[in-house]
Structure formats: structure tokens, C-alpha cells
Amino acid sequence: MTRTMMILRDVAYAILVVLLLLPVSPLPLSLTVRVLIAALAVATRVWQHITYYKQTGKIY
């Protein structure tokens, strides 16, 4: 994975978390959309851990 892709991955994760945690969202989000965002945020974080492990052999 290139450095640019890792930066984009981290930015995507941050955006997902912010959208999930904002009490007054700029976009009206239903409960279903919030659950999907939470699932994507968790999946992104798991992907980060797996990618790091593949590249370094270490678990963080």
C-alpha cells in the first residue's frame, strides 16, 4: 500500500467517525445510515490493522 493510499484511508476513517458522532449533522441522517456509517468505520479500522500486520508483521 502506498503512502498516498494510507493517507486517504485515514482521512476516510476520520470522515466516517465525524459523520457518526456529530449530534447535529449537516446532512439529515437516518438511523439506518448511521448504522451503516458505524459498520464502515469499524471495517475501515479492521482493514487498517490487517494492512499494518501484513506490512510489518506486528500487531498494534
Protein backbone atom coordinates (compact mmCIF):
# COMPACT_ATOMS: atom_id res chain seq x y z
CA MET A 1 0.00 0.00 0.00
CA THR A 2 1.40 3.37 -0.96
CA ARG A 3 1.75 6.32 1.36
CA THR A 4 -0.99 8.20 -0.52
CA MET A 5 -3.42 5.32 -0.11
CA MET A 6 -2.68 5.14 3.62
CA ILE A 7 -3.38 8.87 3.95
CA LEU A 8 -6.65 8.52 2.02
CA ARG A 9 -7.62 5.55 4.19
CA ASP A 10 -7.01 7.54 7.37
CA VAL A 11 -8.95 10.54 6.05
CA ALA A 12 -11.88 8.31 5.06
CA TYR A 13 -11.91 6.79 8.55
CA ALA A 14 -11.88 10.23 10.17
CA ILE A 15 -14.76 11.44 7.99
CA LEU A 16 -16.84 8.36 8.82
CA VAL A 17 -16.29 8.81 12.55
CA VAL A 18 -17.07 12.54 12.44
CA LEU A 19 -20.30 11.95 10.50
CA LEU A 20 -21.31 9.33 13.01
CA LEU A 21 -20.57 11.39 16.11
CA LEU A 22 -21.93 14.79 15.10
CA PRO A 23 -25.07 15.46 17.15
CA VAL A 24 -26.40 17.88 14.54
CA SER A 25 -25.29 16.56 11.20
CA PRO A 26 -25.02 18.84 8.15
CA LEU A 27 -26.90 16.07 6.37
CA PRO A 28 -30.04 14.60 7.92
CA LEU A 29 -29.01 11.01 8.63
CA SER A 30 -31.49 8.29 9.49
CA LEU A 31 -30.71 5.56 11.99
CA THR A 32 -30.05 3.10 9.15
CA VAL A 33 -27.47 5.41 7.59
CA ARG A 34 -25.80 5.96 10.98
CA VAL A 35 -25.58 2.18 11.48
CA LEU A 36 -24.06 1.79 8.00
CA ILE A 37 -21.53 4.53 8.75
CA ALA A 38 -20.62 2.80 12.01
CA ALA A 39 -20.16 -0.51 10.17
CA LEU A 40 -17.96 1.17 7.55
CA ALA A 41 -15.90 2.88 10.26
CA VAL A 42 -15.30 -0.42 12.06
CA ALA A 43 -14.49 -2.21 8.79
CA THR A 44 -12.03 0.55 7.86
CA ARG A 45 -10.31 0.26 11.24
CA VAL A 46 -10.04 -3.52 10.94
CA TRP A 47 -8.63 -3.08 7.42
CA GLN A 48 -6.01 -0.70 8.86
CA HIS A 49 -4.92 -3.28 11.41
CA ILE A 50 -4.76 -6.09 8.84
CA THR A 51 -2.76 -3.96 6.39
CA TYR A 52 -0.33 -2.89 9.11
CA TYR A 53 0.15 -6.50 10.20
CA LYS A 54 0.79 -7.65 6.62
CA GLN A 55 3.38 -4.92 6.09
CA THR A 56 5.21 -5.14 9.42
CA GLY A 57 4.32 -8.47 10.99
CA LYS A 58 3.43 -6.57 14.17
CA ILE A 59 0.08 -6.13 15.84
CA TYR A 60 -0.77 -2.70 17.19
